[in-house]
Amino acid sequence: MPRRRSFTSQLYRAARASNNFRAASRGPGAYATRVVRRKVYAKTNGLLGRLLKGLR
């Protein structure tokens, strides 16, 4: 049986889905921009996290 997601996690997931749908409704360019922006944020945040962890 899978673990139950927290309420906060469910809210964030719903917000992401809503924003994805909203961007998709504005066209493929808007959706692509959102996808690329999220990828870049994930990369930079991961890099920064590893850097800060290395300084500990």
C-alpha atoms as a PDB file:
ATOM      1  CA  MET A   1       0.000   0.000   0.000  1.00  0.00           C
ATOM      2  CA  PRO A   2       1.513   3.390  -0.997  1.00  0.00           C
ATOM      3  CA  ARG A   3       2.214   6.004   1.621  1.00  0.00           C
ATOM      4  CA  ARG A   4      -0.344   8.722   2.105  1.00  0.00           C
ATOM      5  CA  ARG A   5       0.728  12.182   0.940  1.00  0.00           C
ATOM      6  CA  SER A   6       0.565  15.048   3.389  1.00  0.00           C
ATOM      7  CA  PHE A   7      -2.104  17.684   2.923  1.00  0.00           C
ATOM      8  CA  THR A   8       0.529  20.327   2.146  1.00  0.00           C
ATOM      9  CA  SER A   9       2.084  18.066  -0.482  1.00  0.00           C
ATOM     10  CA  GLN A  10      -1.329  17.569  -2.070  1.00  0.00           C
ATOM     11  CA  LEU A  11      -1.928  21.335  -2.169  1.00  0.00           C
ATOM     12  CA  TYR A  12       1.428  22.003  -3.843  1.00  0.00           C
ATOM     13  CA  ARG A  13       0.783  19.232  -6.352  1.00  0.00           C
ATOM     14  CA  ALA A  14      -2.649  20.663  -7.189  1.00  0.00           C
ATOM     15  CA  ALA A  15      -1.157  24.145  -7.609  1.00  0.00           C
ATOM     16  CA  ARG A  16       1.500  22.798 -10.001  1.00  0.00           C
ATOM     17  CA  ALA A  17      -1.147  20.986 -12.044  1.00  0.00           C
ATOM     18  CA  SER A  18      -3.304  24.113 -12.162  1.00  0.00           C
ATOM     19  CA  ASN A  19      -0.401  26.275 -13.295  1.00  0.00           C
ATOM     20  CA  ASN A  20       0.612  23.694 -15.905  1.00  0.00           C
ATOM     21  CA  PHE A  21      -2.933  23.683 -17.260  1.00  0.00           C
ATOM     22  CA  ARG A  22      -3.084  27.483 -17.280  1.00  0.00           C
ATOM     23  CA  ALA A  23       0.215  27.722 -19.181  1.00  0.00           C
ATOM     24  CA  ALA A  24      -0.912  25.046 -21.649  1.00  0.00           C
ATOM     25  CA  SER A  25      -4.124  26.967 -22.307  1.00  0.00           C
ATOM     26  CA  ARG A  26      -2.037  30.020 -23.299  1.00  0.00           C
ATOM     27  CA  GLY A  27      -0.286  27.962 -25.964  1.00  0.00           C
ATOM     28  CA  PRO A  28       2.731  25.732 -26.514  1.00  0.00           C
ATOM     29  CA  GLY A  29       5.207  28.613 -26.154  1.00  0.00           C
ATOM     30  CA  ALA A  30       3.976  29.528 -22.679  1.00  0.00           C
ATOM     31  CA  TYR A  31       4.001  25.891 -21.579  1.00  0.00           C
ATOM     32  CA  ALA A  32       7.507  25.328 -22.959  1.00  0.00           C
ATOM     33  CA  THR A  33       8.745  28.452 -21.155  1.00  0.00           C
ATOM     34  CA  ARG A  34       7.332  27.120 -17.892  1.00  0.00           C
ATOM     35  CA  VAL A  35       8.893  23.688 -18.359  1.00  0.00           C
ATOM     36  CA  VAL A  36      12.310  25.161 -19.169  1.00  0.00           C
ATOM     37  CA  ARG A  37      12.137  27.582 -16.233  1.00  0.00           C
ATOM     38  CA  ARG A  38      11.341  24.737 -13.823  1.00  0.00           C
ATOM     39  CA  LYS A  39      14.226  22.655 -15.195  1.00  0.00           C
ATOM     40  CA  VAL A  40      16.655  25.547 -14.760  1.00  0.00           C
ATOM     41  CA  TYR A  41      15.455  26.200 -11.196  1.00  0.00           C
ATOM     42  CA  ALA A  42      15.882  22.512 -10.346  1.00  0.00           C
ATOM     43  CA  LYS A  43      19.442  22.475 -11.735  1.00  0.00           C
ATOM     44  CA  THR A  44      20.550  25.674  -9.994  1.00  0.00           C
ATOM     45  CA  ASN A  45      18.925  24.731  -6.697  1.00  0.00           C
ATOM     46  CA  GLY A  46      20.571  21.303  -6.811  1.00  0.00           C
ATOM     47  CA  LEU A  47      23.943  22.861  -7.568  1.00  0.00           C
ATOM     48  CA  LEU A  48      23.574  25.397  -4.775  1.00  0.00           C
ATOM     49  CA  GLY A  49      22.466  22.677  -2.349  1.00  0.00           C
ATOM     50  CA  ARG A  50      25.518  20.544  -3.130  1.00  0.00           C
ATOM     51  CA  LEU A  51      27.768  23.585  -2.750  1.00  0.00           C
ATOM     52  CA  LEU A  52      26.284  24.513   0.621  1.00  0.00           C
ATOM     53  CA  LYS A  53      26.410  20.904   1.804  1.00  0.00           C
ATOM     54  CA  GLY A  54      30.092  20.802   0.882  1.00  0.00           C
ATOM     55  CA  LEU A  55      30.765  23.853   3.076  1.00  0.00           C
ATOM     56  CA  ARG A  56      29.434  22.143   6.205  1.00  0.00           C
END
